Amino acid sequence: MPSARTPLAITLQRQGISASLRTQPRMLMTPGPGNSNPGFSLIIQAVPSGTAWYLDLAIGGRHERIFANGCDQESDWRRNRQGPQPFTDLELAKRAAEEELGRRLNRPVRISPQVELYCPSDAPVYDYLKSDVEFARARYDAQTDSICSVPEDCRLVSWPKGNLQRPRFHIPKDGAHIPADCRWQTICPKAHEEFLKFHNHRSGPEKAKRWLAWLISEYRKYGLNS
């Protein structure tokens, strides 16, 4: 008997702070947890109330919306007096997405229960954001006032004498397997340029530095065009 195919594992990312989830649209370029672009686009799109969802799927040049009652085309809506009915349970929407993708890809699909956090926040606006997970590659260390890599814990950026205009970049060596626009020596100075923009400091220097760590992390995972 042929062996069962290994399930395609997908980790969905939060769309901003909305109740919608999506596959990461950019290729995961460096090793680590998270979702690399699987060659298709899946959005579990929330309706405005944030309490119901439908599937927005693009694969193999075909794009369609899938609802709980199977309506995905305007002609179907005209035949069905009820019209498209969204999923009222997010887990049911995920299971439907697994089935639809599995059928189209001819292999099992499993969506991780973890949702990748879009951007860290000290006070999540909605309760559902509290369980999102950050797959960080960099973090801000308040004790040393520096940005450090994760999980290696190597210092990346510091500010001698607290001068934000004159950062010191401590650049660990990257292996040849790391793409050029994901290397520390490329992304740290570029991220710091964004960090210095006035609007990124409206909430104070510490929050700005935490944002810088997040941006470096995104560049590390997905490259400078992320």
N, C-alpha and C. Protein backbone atom coordinates (compact mmCIF):
# COMPACT_ATOMS: atom_id res chain seq x y z
N MET A 1 0.84 -1.20 0.00
CA MET A 1 0.00 0.00 0.00
C MET A 1 0.88 1.25 0.00
N PRO A 2 0.55 2.27 -0.78
CA PRO A 2 1.35 3.49 -0.78
C PRO A 2 1.20 4.21 0.55
N SER A 3 2.28 4.85 1.01
CA SER A 3 2.25 5.57 2.28
C SER A 3 1.41 6.83 2.15
N ALA A 4 0.77 7.19 3.26
CA ALA A 4 -0.05 8.40 3.25
C ALA A 4 0.83 9.62 3.06
N ARG A 5 0.33 10.60 2.33
CA ARG A 5 1.09 11.81 2.08
C ARG A 5 1.15 12.64 3.35
N THR A 6 2.29 13.28 3.55
CA THR A 6 2.45 14.15 4.71
C THR A 6 1.53 15.35 4.57
N PRO A 7 0.75 15.67 5.60
CA PRO A 7 -0.15 16.82 5.51
C PRO A 7 0.62 18.12 5.27
N LEU A 8 0.05 18.99 4.48
CA LEU A 8 0.60 20.32 4.28
C LEU A 8 0.21 21.16 5.49
N ALA A 9 1.19 21.61 6.26
CA ALA A 9 0.92 22.39 7.47
C ALA A 9 0.88 23.87 7.13
N ILE A 10 -0.16 24.54 7.55
CA ILE A 10 -0.35 25.97 7.27
C ILE A 10 -0.54 26.71 8.59
N THR A 11 0.18 27.79 8.75
CA THR A 11 -0.04 28.70 9.86
C THR A 11 -0.61 30.00 9.29
N LEU A 12 -1.78 30.38 9.74
CA LEU A 12 -2.41 31.60 9.24
C LEU A 12 -1.94 32.81 10.03
N GLN A 13 -1.91 33.95 9.36
CA GLN A 13 -1.50 35.20 9.98
C GLN A 13 -2.72 36.12 10.12
N ARG A 14 -2.75 36.84 11.22
CA ARG A 14 -3.81 37.83 11.44
C ARG A 14 -3.71 38.95 10.39
N GLN A 15 -4.85 39.39 9.88
CA GLN A 15 -4.87 40.56 9.00
C GLN A 15 -5.04 41.80 9.87
N GLY A 16 -3.92 42.44 10.19
CA GLY A 16 -3.96 43.61 11.05
C GLY A 16 -4.52 43.25 12.41
N ILE A 17 -5.58 43.95 12.84
CA ILE A 17 -6.24 43.61 14.11
C ILE A 17 -7.65 43.08 13.85
N SER A 18 -7.93 42.72 12.62
CA SER A 18 -9.27 42.25 12.27
C SER A 18 -9.45 40.79 12.69
N ALA A 19 -10.66 40.28 12.51
CA ALA A 19 -10.95 38.87 12.80
C ALA A 19 -10.61 37.98 11.62
N SER A 20 -10.08 38.55 10.54
CA SER A 20 -9.73 37.78 9.35
C SER A 20 -8.34 37.18 9.47
N LEU A 21 -8.16 36.00 8.86
CA LEU A 21 -6.88 35.29 8.86
C LEU A 21 -6.49 34.99 7.43
N ARG A 22 -5.18 34.87 7.19
CA ARG A 22 -4.72 34.64 5.81
C ARG A 22 -3.43 33.84 5.81
N THR A 23 -3.15 33.24 4.66
CA THR A 23 -1.81 32.71 4.45
C THR A 23 -0.88 33.89 4.24
N GLN A 24 0.36 33.73 4.64
CA GLN A 24 1.34 34.80 4.48
C GLN A 24 1.60 35.00 2.99
N PRO A 25 1.40 36.22 2.46
CA PRO A 25 1.52 36.42 1.02
C PRO A 25 2.96 36.44 0.51
N ARG A 26 3.93 36.50 1.43
CA ARG A 26 5.33 36.52 1.00
C ARG A 26 6.03 35.25 1.44
N MET A 27 7.04 34.84 0.70
CA MET A 27 7.77 33.63 1.00
C MET A 27 8.55 33.78 2.30
N LEU A 28 8.44 32.78 3.18
CA LEU A 28 9.26 32.75 4.38
C LEU A 28 10.69 32.41 3.95
N MET A 29 11.61 33.35 4.12
CA MET A 29 12.92 33.23 3.50
C MET A 29 13.99 32.67 4.44
N THR A 30 13.76 32.75 5.75
CA THR A 30 14.74 32.23 6.70
C THR A 30 14.11 31.17 7.57
N PRO A 31 14.88 30.20 8.04
CA PRO A 31 14.31 29.08 8.80
C PRO A 31 13.64 29.53 10.09
N GLY A 32 12.66 28.77 10.54
CA GLY A 32 11.99 29.05 11.80
C GLY A 32 10.50 28.82 11.70
N PRO A 33 9.77 29.00 12.80
CA PRO A 33 8.33 28.78 12.78
C PRO A 33 7.62 29.85 11.97
N GLY A 34 6.42 29.54 11.59
CA GLY A 34 5.65 30.49 10.80
C GLY A 34 5.23 29.85 9.49
N ASN A 35 4.64 30.60 8.63
CA ASN A 35 4.07 30.06 7.41
C ASN A 35 4.81 30.60 6.19
N SER A 36 5.38 29.69 5.39
CA SER A 36 5.93 30.13 4.12
C SER A 36 4.81 30.08 3.08
N ASN A 37 4.95 30.89 2.05
CA ASN A 37 3.92 30.97 1.02
C ASN A 37 3.72 29.60 0.38
N PRO A 38 2.53 29.02 0.48
CA PRO A 38 2.33 27.65 0.00
C PRO A 38 1.97 27.54 -1.48
N GLY A 39 1.99 28.65 -2.21
CA GLY A 39 1.67 28.59 -3.63
C GLY A 39 0.22 28.85 -3.93
N PHE A 40 -0.54 29.25 -2.92
CA PHE A 40 -1.93 29.64 -3.12
C PHE A 40 -2.26 30.70 -2.08
N SER A 41 -3.41 31.31 -2.23
CA SER A 41 -3.85 32.32 -1.28
C SER A 41 -5.14 31.87 -0.62
N LEU A 42 -5.14 31.85 0.70
CA LEU A 42 -6.34 31.56 1.46
C LEU A 42 -6.57 32.68 2.46
N ILE A 43 -7.75 33.26 2.40
CA ILE A 43 -8.17 34.24 3.41
C ILE A 43 -9.46 33.73 4.04
N ILE A 44 -9.44 33.59 5.35
CA ILE A 44 -10.68 33.33 6.07
C ILE A 44 -11.20 34.71 6.46
N GLN A 45 -12.05 35.22 5.60
CA GLN A 45 -12.46 36.63 5.66
C GLN A 45 -13.63 36.83 6.60
N ALA A 46 -13.44 37.73 7.57
CA ALA A 46 -14.52 38.03 8.50
C ALA A 46 -15.49 39.03 7.89
N VAL A 47 -16.75 38.89 8.19
CA VAL A 47 -17.74 39.89 7.82
C VAL A 47 -17.56 41.08 8.77
N PRO A 48 -18.16 42.23 8.48
CA PRO A 48 -17.91 43.43 9.30
C PRO A 48 -18.15 43.25 10.81
N SER A 49 -19.09 42.39 11.19
CA SER A 49 -19.34 42.20 12.62
C SER A 49 -18.21 41.45 13.32
N GLY A 50 -17.38 40.75 12.54
CA GLY A 50 -16.28 39.98 13.12
C GLY A 50 -16.73 38.68 13.78
N THR A 51 -17.97 38.26 13.54
CA THR A 51 -18.49 37.06 14.19
C THR A 51 -18.90 35.98 13.18
N ALA A 52 -18.58 36.15 11.92
CA ALA A 52 -18.86 35.16 10.89
C ALA A 52 -17.81 35.31 9.80
N TRP A 53 -17.60 34.21 9.02
CA TRP A 53 -16.48 34.17 8.08
C TRP A 53 -16.90 33.46 6.79
N TYR A 54 -16.19 33.77 5.71
CA TYR A 54 -16.27 32.99 4.50
C TYR A 54 -14.86 32.79 3.97
N LEU A 55 -14.68 31.85 3.05
CA LEU A 55 -13.36 31.54 2.51
C LEU A 55 -13.14 32.28 1.20
N ASP A 56 -11.98 32.89 1.08
CA ASP A 56 -11.58 33.55 -0.16
C ASP A 56 -10.34 32.82 -0.63
N LEU A 57 -10.47 32.00 -1.67
CA LEU A 57 -9.42 31.08 -2.08
C LEU A 57 -8.99 31.35 -3.51
N ALA A 58 -7.68 31.47 -3.72
CA ALA A 58 -7.12 31.63 -5.07
C ALA A 58 -6.06 30.56 -5.26
N ILE A 59 -6.26 29.69 -6.25
CA ILE A 59 -5.31 28.61 -6.50
C ILE A 59 -5.41 28.20 -7.96
N GLY A 60 -4.26 27.96 -8.57
CA GLY A 60 -4.23 27.50 -9.95
C GLY A 60 -4.91 28.43 -10.92
N GLY A 61 -4.82 29.75 -10.67
CA GLY A 61 -5.42 30.72 -11.57
C GLY A 61 -6.92 30.89 -11.38
N ARG A 62 -7.49 30.20 -10.41
CA ARG A 62 -8.93 30.29 -10.17
C ARG A 62 -9.18 30.93 -8.81
N HIS A 63 -10.10 31.88 -8.77
CA HIS A 63 -10.42 32.58 -7.52
C HIS A 63 -11.90 32.39 -7.22
N GLU A 64 -12.20 32.02 -5.98
CA GLU A 64 -13.60 31.85 -5.61
C GLU A 64 -13.82 32.11 -4.13
N ARG A 65 -15.06 32.43 -3.81
CA ARG A 65 -15.47 32.61 -2.43
C ARG A 65 -16.37 31.44 -2.04
N ILE A 66 -16.14 30.90 -0.87
CA ILE A 66 -16.84 29.70 -0.43
C ILE A 66 -17.54 30.01 0.89
N PHE A 67 -18.83 29.68 0.93
CA PHE A 67 -19.65 29.97 2.10
C PHE A 67 -20.10 28.66 2.75
N ALA A 68 -20.72 28.78 3.91
CA ALA A 68 -21.15 27.60 4.65
C ALA A 68 -22.19 26.79 3.88
N ASN A 69 -23.02 27.47 3.08
CA ASN A 69 -24.04 26.75 2.31
C ASN A 69 -23.61 26.47 0.88
N GLY A 70 -22.31 26.59 0.62
CA GLY A 70 -21.76 26.18 -0.66
C GLY A 70 -21.85 27.20 -1.76
N CYS A 71 -22.47 28.35 -1.53
CA CYS A 71 -22.59 29.36 -2.59
C CYS A 71 -21.24 30.03 -2.82
N ASP A 72 -20.79 30.06 -4.04
CA ASP A 72 -19.55 30.75 -4.32
C ASP A 72 -19.60 31.56 -5.61
N GLN A 73 -20.68 31.43 -6.36
CA GLN A 73 -20.82 32.16 -7.61
C GLN A 73 -22.13 32.95 -7.60
N GLU A 74 -22.16 34.08 -8.31
CA GLU A 74 -23.37 34.90 -8.33
C GLU A 74 -24.57 34.11 -8.84
N SER A 75 -24.34 33.22 -9.82
CA SER A 75 -25.44 32.42 -10.35
C SER A 75 -26.01 31.50 -9.27
N ASP A 76 -25.15 31.00 -8.37
CA ASP A 76 -25.63 30.17 -7.27
C ASP A 76 -26.51 30.99 -6.34
N TRP A 77 -26.12 32.24 -6.10
CA TRP A 77 -26.89 33.09 -5.20
C TRP A 77 -28.30 33.31 -5.76
N ARG A 78 -28.40 33.48 -7.07
CA ARG A 78 -29.72 33.71 -7.67
C ARG A 78 -30.62 32.48 -7.52
N ARG A 79 -29.99 31.29 -7.57
CA ARG A 79 -30.78 30.06 -7.44
C ARG A 79 -31.15 29.79 -5.98
N ASN A 80 -30.33 30.29 -5.06
CA ASN A 80 -30.55 30.04 -3.64
C ASN A 80 -31.17 31.28 -3.01
N ARG A 81 -32.43 31.19 -2.63
CA ARG A 81 -33.12 32.37 -2.11
C ARG A 81 -32.47 32.92 -0.84
N GLN A 82 -31.85 32.04 -0.08
CA GLN A 82 -31.21 32.50 1.15
C GLN A 82 -29.98 33.35 0.88
N GLY A 83 -29.38 33.15 -0.28
CA GLY A 83 -28.12 33.83 -0.56
C GLY A 83 -26.97 33.18 0.19
N PRO A 84 -25.77 33.71 0.03
CA PRO A 84 -24.60 33.10 0.68
C PRO A 84 -24.67 33.25 2.20
N GLN A 85 -24.44 32.14 2.89
CA GLN A 85 -24.46 32.13 4.35
C GLN A 85 -23.05 31.90 4.88
N PRO A 86 -22.48 32.84 5.61
CA PRO A 86 -21.13 32.66 6.13
C PRO A 86 -21.10 31.62 7.26
N PHE A 87 -19.90 31.17 7.55
CA PHE A 87 -19.69 30.29 8.69
C PHE A 87 -19.82 31.12 9.97
N THR A 88 -20.56 30.61 10.93
CA THR A 88 -20.71 31.35 12.19
C THR A 88 -19.76 30.84 13.27
N ASP A 89 -18.91 29.89 12.91
CA ASP A 89 -17.91 29.35 13.83
C ASP A 89 -16.57 29.32 13.10
N LEU A 90 -15.56 29.95 13.67
CA LEU A 90 -14.25 30.04 13.00
C LEU A 90 -13.63 28.67 12.79
N GLU A 91 -13.77 27.77 13.76
CA GLU A 91 -13.19 26.43 13.62
C GLU A 91 -13.84 25.66 12.47
N LEU A 92 -15.14 25.83 12.30
CA LEU A 92 -15.81 25.20 11.16
C LEU A 92 -15.29 25.76 9.84
N ALA A 93 -15.02 27.07 9.81
CA ALA A 93 -14.46 27.68 8.61
C ALA A 93 -13.07 27.10 8.31
N LYS A 94 -12.27 26.90 9.35
CA LYS A 94 -10.94 26.31 9.15
C LYS A 94 -11.04 24.89 8.61
N ARG A 95 -11.97 24.09 9.18
CA ARG A 95 -12.12 22.70 8.71
C ARG A 95 -12.57 22.69 7.25
N ALA A 96 -13.48 23.60 6.90
CA ALA A 96 -13.92 23.68 5.51
C ALA A 96 -12.76 24.06 4.59
N ALA A 97 -11.89 24.98 5.07
CA ALA A 97 -10.73 25.38 4.28
C ALA A 97 -9.79 24.19 4.08
N GLU A 98 -9.59 23.40 5.12
CA GLU A 98 -8.73 22.21 4.99
C GLU A 98 -9.30 21.25 3.95
N GLU A 99 -10.62 21.04 3.98
CA GLU A 99 -11.24 20.12 3.03
C GLU A 99 -11.14 20.64 1.60
N GLU A 100 -11.43 21.93 1.41
CA GLU A 100 -11.38 22.49 0.07
C GLU A 100 -9.97 22.44 -0.51
N LEU A 101 -8.99 22.84 0.30
CA LEU A 101 -7.61 22.81 -0.17
C LEU A 101 -7.13 21.38 -0.40
N GLY A 102 -7.50 20.48 0.52
CA GLY A 102 -7.10 19.08 0.36
C GLY A 102 -7.61 18.49 -0.93
N ARG A 103 -8.85 18.82 -1.27
CA ARG A 103 -9.44 18.31 -2.51
C ARG A 103 -8.73 18.87 -3.74
N ARG A 104 -8.40 20.17 -3.72
CA ARG A 104 -7.77 20.80 -4.87
C ARG A 104 -6.30 20.40 -5.01
N LEU A 105 -5.62 20.20 -3.89
CA LEU A 105 -4.20 19.87 -3.92
C LEU A 105 -3.94 18.36 -3.93
N ASN A 106 -4.98 17.59 -3.72
CA ASN A 106 -4.87 16.14 -3.66
C ASN A 106 -3.88 15.68 -2.58
N ARG A 107 -3.96 16.35 -1.44
CA ARG A 107 -3.15 15.95 -0.29
C ARG A 107 -3.81 16.51 0.97
N PRO A 108 -3.59 15.88 2.11
CA PRO A 108 -4.19 16.40 3.34
C PRO A 108 -3.61 17.76 3.72
N VAL A 109 -4.44 18.60 4.30
CA VAL A 109 -4.03 19.94 4.73
C VAL A 109 -4.43 20.11 6.19
N ARG A 110 -3.53 20.67 6.98
CA ARG A 110 -3.81 20.93 8.39
C ARG A 110 -3.48 22.38 8.71
N ILE A 111 -4.46 23.09 9.23
CA ILE A 111 -4.25 24.48 9.64
C ILE A 111 -3.90 24.50 11.12
N SER A 112 -2.79 25.11 11.45
CA SER A 112 -2.34 25.17 12.84
C SER A 112 -3.35 25.91 13.71
N PRO A 113 -3.54 25.45 14.95
CA PRO A 113 -4.41 26.21 15.86
C PRO A 113 -3.82 27.56 16.24
N GLN A 114 -2.50 27.70 16.09
CA GLN A 114 -1.86 28.98 16.39
C GLN A 114 -2.08 29.96 15.24
N VAL A 115 -2.27 31.21 15.58
CA VAL A 115 -2.39 32.29 14.60
C VAL A 115 -1.20 33.22 14.79
N GLU A 116 -0.51 33.53 13.70
CA GLU A 116 0.64 34.42 13.80
C GLU A 116 0.17 35.85 14.03
N LEU A 117 0.71 36.45 15.08
CA LEU A 117 0.42 37.84 15.41
C LEU A 117 0.88 38.75 14.28
N TYR A 118 0.08 39.76 13.97
CA TYR A 118 0.53 40.72 12.95
C TYR A 118 1.56 41.68 13.53
N CYS A 119 1.22 42.37 14.61
CA CYS A 119 2.13 43.33 15.21
C CYS A 119 1.87 43.37 16.71
N PRO A 120 2.91 43.31 17.55
CA PRO A 120 2.72 43.32 19.00
C PRO A 120 2.01 44.58 19.48
N SER A 121 1.23 44.42 20.56
CA SER A 121 0.53 45.55 21.16
C SER A 121 0.46 45.33 22.66
N ASP A 122 0.70 46.38 23.43
CA ASP A 122 0.64 46.25 24.89
C ASP A 122 -0.79 46.03 25.37
N ALA A 123 -1.76 46.53 24.65
CA ALA A 123 -3.16 46.41 25.07
C ALA A 123 -4.00 46.02 23.86
N PRO A 124 -4.13 44.70 23.59
CA PRO A 124 -4.92 44.27 22.43
C PRO A 124 -6.33 44.84 22.46
N VAL A 125 -6.77 45.34 21.32
CA VAL A 125 -8.09 45.97 21.23
C VAL A 125 -9.21 44.95 21.39
N TYR A 126 -9.01 43.75 20.82
CA TYR A 126 -10.03 42.71 20.86
C TYR A 126 -9.50 41.48 21.59
N ASP A 127 -10.39 40.78 22.26
CA ASP A 127 -9.98 39.61 23.05
C ASP A 127 -9.31 38.54 22.19
N TYR A 128 -9.77 38.37 20.94
CA TYR A 128 -9.21 37.30 20.12
C TYR A 128 -7.73 37.54 19.77
N LEU A 129 -7.25 38.76 19.93
CA LEU A 129 -5.84 39.04 19.64
C LEU A 129 -4.92 38.52 20.74
N LYS A 130 -5.47 38.27 21.92
CA LYS A 130 -4.63 37.89 23.06
C LYS A 130 -3.98 36.53 22.89
N SER A 131 -4.58 35.65 22.10
CA SER A 131 -4.02 34.31 21.91
C SER A 131 -3.11 34.21 20.70
N ASP A 132 -2.97 35.28 19.91
CA ASP A 132 -2.08 35.25 18.75
C ASP A 132 -0.63 35.09 19.20
N VAL A 133 0.17 34.45 18.36
CA VAL A 133 1.55 34.12 18.70
C VAL A 133 2.51 34.90 17.80
N GLU A 134 3.52 35.49 18.41
CA GLU A 134 4.55 36.20 17.64
C GLU A 134 5.71 35.27 17.35
N PHE A 135 6.01 35.04 16.09
CA PHE A 135 7.16 34.24 15.70
C PHE A 135 8.35 35.19 15.49
N ALA A 136 8.89 35.64 16.59
CA ALA A 136 9.89 36.72 16.54
C ALA A 136 11.26 36.20 16.15
N ARG A 137 12.00 37.04 15.42
CA ARG A 137 13.42 36.80 15.13
C ARG A 137 14.29 37.84 15.84
N ALA A 138 13.63 38.85 16.43
CA ALA A 138 14.37 39.88 17.16
C ALA A 138 13.48 40.40 18.29
N ARG A 139 14.09 40.94 19.35
CA ARG A 139 13.34 41.47 20.49
C ARG A 139 14.09 42.66 21.08
N TYR A 140 13.36 43.51 21.77
CA TYR A 140 13.97 44.63 22.47
C TYR A 140 14.23 44.22 23.91
N ASP A 141 15.47 44.39 24.38
CA ASP A 141 15.85 44.10 25.76
C ASP A 141 16.01 45.42 26.51
N ALA A 142 15.04 45.71 27.39
CA ALA A 142 15.05 46.99 28.09
C ALA A 142 16.23 47.12 29.05
N GLN A 143 16.70 46.01 29.63
CA GLN A 143 17.80 46.07 30.59
C GLN A 143 19.09 46.56 29.95
N THR A 144 19.34 46.12 28.73
CA THR A 144 20.56 46.54 28.03
C THR A 144 20.29 47.62 27.00
N ASP A 145 19.01 47.99 26.85
CA ASP A 145 18.61 48.99 25.85
C ASP A 145 19.17 48.64 24.48
N SER A 146 18.85 47.44 24.03
CA SER A 146 19.37 46.98 22.75
C SER A 146 18.38 46.03 22.09
N ILE A 147 18.55 45.85 20.80
CA ILE A 147 17.79 44.86 20.04
C ILE A 147 18.64 43.61 19.93
N CYS A 148 18.06 42.45 20.24
CA CYS A 148 18.79 41.18 20.21
C CYS A 148 18.09 40.20 19.28
N SER A 149 18.86 39.28 18.73
CA SER A 149 18.30 38.26 17.85
C SER A 149 17.61 37.18 18.67
N VAL A 150 16.66 36.50 18.05
CA VAL A 150 15.94 35.38 18.65
C VAL A 150 16.06 34.20 17.70
N PRO A 151 16.46 33.00 18.22
CA PRO A 151 16.69 32.66 19.62
C PRO A 151 18.16 32.79 20.05
N GLU A 152 19.03 33.25 19.16
CA GLU A 152 20.47 33.24 19.47
C GLU A 152 20.84 34.21 20.58
N ASP A 153 20.05 35.25 20.77
CA ASP A 153 20.28 36.28 21.79
C ASP A 153 21.59 37.04 21.56
N CYS A 154 21.86 37.31 20.29
CA CYS A 154 23.03 38.14 19.95
C CYS A 154 22.58 39.59 19.81
N ARG A 155 23.39 40.50 20.29
CA ARG A 155 23.03 41.91 20.19
C ARG A 155 23.12 42.35 18.73
N LEU A 156 22.11 43.11 18.30
CA LEU A 156 22.05 43.59 16.93
C LEU A 156 22.21 45.11 16.84
N VAL A 157 21.49 45.83 17.71
CA VAL A 157 21.50 47.29 17.67
C VAL A 157 21.53 47.82 19.10
N SER A 158 22.37 48.83 19.33
CA SER A 158 22.36 49.54 20.62
C SER A 158 22.58 51.03 20.35
N TRP A 159 22.41 51.84 21.40
CA TRP A 159 22.53 53.29 21.25
C TRP A 159 23.46 53.82 22.34
N PRO A 160 24.77 53.89 22.07
CA PRO A 160 25.70 54.41 23.08
C PRO A 160 25.29 55.80 23.54
N LYS A 161 25.30 56.00 24.84
CA LYS A 161 24.93 57.28 25.47
C LYS A 161 23.49 57.69 25.14
N GLY A 162 22.68 56.71 24.73
CA GLY A 162 21.28 56.98 24.47
C GLY A 162 21.01 57.83 23.24
N ASN A 163 21.98 57.97 22.37
CA ASN A 163 21.83 58.80 21.17
C ASN A 163 21.20 57.97 20.05
N LEU A 164 19.91 58.20 19.82
CA LEU A 164 19.20 57.41 18.81
C LEU A 164 19.70 57.69 17.39
N GLN A 165 20.32 58.86 17.20
CA GLN A 165 20.80 59.23 15.87
C GLN A 165 22.12 58.55 15.51
N ARG A 166 22.76 57.96 16.53
CA ARG A 166 24.06 57.32 16.29
C ARG A 166 24.04 55.89 16.83
N PRO A 167 23.32 55.02 16.14
CA PRO A 167 23.23 53.64 16.60
C PRO A 167 24.54 52.88 16.38
N ARG A 168 24.72 51.84 17.15
CA ARG A 168 25.84 50.93 16.93
C ARG A 168 25.25 49.60 16.49
N PHE A 169 25.68 49.14 15.33
CA PHE A 169 25.20 47.87 14.81
C PHE A 169 26.22 46.77 15.14
N HIS A 170 25.76 45.78 15.88
CA HIS A 170 26.59 44.62 16.22
C HIS A 170 26.11 43.49 15.32
N ILE A 171 26.80 43.26 14.24
CA ILE A 171 26.25 42.39 13.20
C ILE A 171 26.84 40.98 13.28
N PRO A 172 26.05 39.99 13.74
CA PRO A 172 26.54 38.61 13.71
C PRO A 172 26.70 38.14 12.27
N LYS A 173 27.61 37.21 12.06
CA LYS A 173 27.81 36.68 10.72
C LYS A 173 26.67 35.75 10.35
N ASP A 174 26.22 35.88 9.11
CA ASP A 174 25.16 35.01 8.59
C ASP A 174 25.76 33.97 7.67
N GLY A 175 25.14 32.79 7.66
CA GLY A 175 25.57 31.75 6.74
C GLY A 175 25.19 32.09 5.31
N ALA A 176 25.84 31.42 4.38
CA ALA A 176 25.58 31.69 2.96
C ALA A 176 24.15 31.34 2.56
N HIS A 177 23.46 30.53 3.38
CA HIS A 177 22.10 30.11 3.04
C HIS A 177 21.07 31.21 3.30
N ILE A 178 21.47 32.27 4.02
CA ILE A 178 20.54 33.36 4.31
C ILE A 178 20.48 34.31 3.11
N PRO A 179 19.29 34.56 2.55
CA PRO A 179 19.19 35.47 1.40
C PRO A 179 19.75 36.85 1.72
N ALA A 180 20.27 37.53 0.72
CA ALA A 180 20.96 38.81 0.92
C ALA A 180 20.07 39.84 1.61
N ASP A 181 18.78 39.90 1.23
CA ASP A 181 17.94 40.94 1.83
C ASP A 181 17.27 40.48 3.14
N CYS A 182 17.81 39.41 3.72
CA CYS A 182 17.39 38.98 5.06
C CYS A 182 18.56 39.00 6.05
N ARG A 183 19.75 39.37 5.59
CA ARG A 183 20.93 39.32 6.46
C ARG A 183 20.93 40.50 7.41
N TRP A 184 21.41 40.24 8.62
CA TRP A 184 21.44 41.27 9.66
C TRP A 184 22.10 42.56 9.17
N GLN A 185 23.21 42.43 8.45
CA GLN A 185 23.96 43.62 8.04
C GLN A 185 23.17 44.48 7.05
N THR A 186 22.19 43.87 6.38
CA THR A 186 21.35 44.59 5.44
C THR A 186 20.10 45.16 6.12
N ILE A 187 19.46 44.33 6.92
CA ILE A 187 18.14 44.71 7.43
C ILE A 187 18.19 45.64 8.65
N CYS A 188 19.22 45.51 9.49
CA CYS A 188 19.25 46.34 10.70
C CYS A 188 19.38 47.83 10.38
N PRO A 189 20.35 48.25 9.54
CA PRO A 189 20.42 49.67 9.19
C PRO A 189 19.17 50.17 8.47
N LYS A 190 18.60 49.33 7.59
CA LYS A 190 17.40 49.75 6.86
C LYS A 190 16.22 49.93 7.81
N ALA A 191 16.06 49.00 8.74
CA ALA A 191 14.97 49.12 9.71
C ALA A 191 15.17 50.33 10.59
N HIS A 192 16.43 50.65 10.93
CA HIS A 192 16.70 51.79 11.80
C HIS A 192 16.33 53.10 11.10
N GLU A 193 16.50 53.15 9.79
CA GLU A 193 16.07 54.34 9.05
C GLU A 193 14.57 54.58 9.22
N GLU A 194 13.79 53.50 9.17
CA GLU A 194 12.34 53.62 9.37
C GLU A 194 12.04 54.01 10.82
N PHE A 195 12.80 53.45 11.73
CA PHE A 195 12.62 53.72 13.16
C PHE A 195 12.76 55.21 13.48
N LEU A 196 13.67 55.90 12.79
CA LEU A 196 13.94 57.31 13.09
C LEU A 196 12.84 58.26 12.63
N LYS A 197 11.90 57.77 11.81
CA LYS A 197 10.83 58.65 11.34
C LYS A 197 9.97 59.09 12.51
N PHE A 198 9.61 60.35 12.50
CA PHE A 198 8.95 60.99 13.64
C PHE A 198 7.71 60.24 14.12
N HIS A 199 6.88 59.78 13.19
CA HIS A 199 5.60 59.18 13.58
C HIS A 199 5.78 57.89 14.36
N ASN A 200 6.94 57.26 14.25
CA ASN A 200 7.18 56.02 14.99
C ASN A 200 7.54 56.28 16.45
N HIS A 201 7.65 57.53 16.86
CA HIS A 201 8.04 57.86 18.24
C HIS A 201 6.92 58.55 19.01
N ARG A 202 5.73 58.57 18.46
CA ARG A 202 4.64 59.27 19.11
C ARG A 202 4.26 58.66 20.45
N SER A 203 4.50 57.36 20.62
CA SER A 203 4.14 56.68 21.88
C SER A 203 5.33 56.52 22.81
N GLY A 204 6.42 57.20 22.52
CA GLY A 204 7.58 57.14 23.39
C GLY A 204 8.68 56.26 22.86
N PRO A 205 9.92 56.45 23.36
CA PRO A 205 11.08 55.74 22.82
C PRO A 205 11.05 54.23 23.03
N GLU A 206 10.55 53.76 24.18
CA GLU A 206 10.57 52.31 24.41
C GLU A 206 9.65 51.58 23.45
N LYS A 207 8.44 52.10 23.25
CA LYS A 207 7.54 51.47 22.29
C LYS A 207 8.10 51.53 20.88
N ALA A 208 8.80 52.62 20.58
CA ALA A 208 9.42 52.74 19.26
C ALA A 208 10.49 51.67 19.07
N LYS A 209 11.24 51.38 20.12
CA LYS A 209 12.29 50.36 20.02
C LYS A 209 11.69 48.96 19.91
N ARG A 210 10.55 48.74 20.58
CA ARG A 210 9.88 47.45 20.44
C ARG A 210 9.34 47.30 19.01
N TRP A 211 8.87 48.40 18.45
CA TRP A 211 8.42 48.37 17.06
C TRP A 211 9.60 48.08 16.13
N LEU A 212 10.74 48.67 16.41
CA LEU A 212 11.94 48.41 15.61
C LEU A 212 12.29 46.93 15.64
N ALA A 213 12.23 46.32 16.82
CA ALA A 213 12.52 44.89 16.93
C ALA A 213 11.55 44.08 16.07
N TRP A 214 10.27 44.47 16.08
CA TRP A 214 9.28 43.78 15.26
C TRP A 214 9.61 43.94 13.77
N LEU A 215 9.99 45.14 13.35
CA LEU A 215 10.30 45.37 11.94
C LEU A 215 11.52 44.56 11.51
N ILE A 216 12.55 44.55 12.34
CA ILE A 216 13.74 43.74 12.03
C ILE A 216 13.34 42.27 11.89
N SER A 217 12.47 41.82 12.78
CA SER A 217 12.00 40.44 12.74
C SER A 217 11.27 40.14 11.43
N GLU A 218 10.39 41.06 11.00
CA GLU A 218 9.68 40.86 9.73
C GLU A 218 10.65 40.83 8.55
N TYR A 219 11.62 41.74 8.55
CA TYR A 219 12.62 41.73 7.49
C TYR A 219 13.41 40.43 7.50
N ARG A 220 13.72 39.94 8.68
CA ARG A 220 14.49 38.70 8.79
C ARG A 220 13.72 37.52 8.21
N LYS A 221 12.41 37.51 8.45
CA LYS A 221 11.60 36.39 7.96
C LYS A 221 11.28 36.49 6.48
N TYR A 222 10.94 37.72 6.03
CA TYR A 222 10.33 37.85 4.71
C TYR A 222 11.11 38.75 3.75
N GLY A 223 12.20 39.36 4.21
CA GLY A 223 12.98 40.20 3.32
C GLY A 223 12.56 41.66 3.38
N LEU A 224 13.33 42.52 2.75
CA LEU A 224 13.10 43.97 2.84
C LEU A 224 11.81 44.41 2.17
N ASN A 225 11.25 43.60 1.28
CA ASN A 225 10.02 44.00 0.60
C ASN A 225 8.77 43.53 1.34
N SER A 226 8.95 43.05 2.56
CA SER A 226 7.80 42.56 3.32
C SER A 226 6.92 43.71 3.80
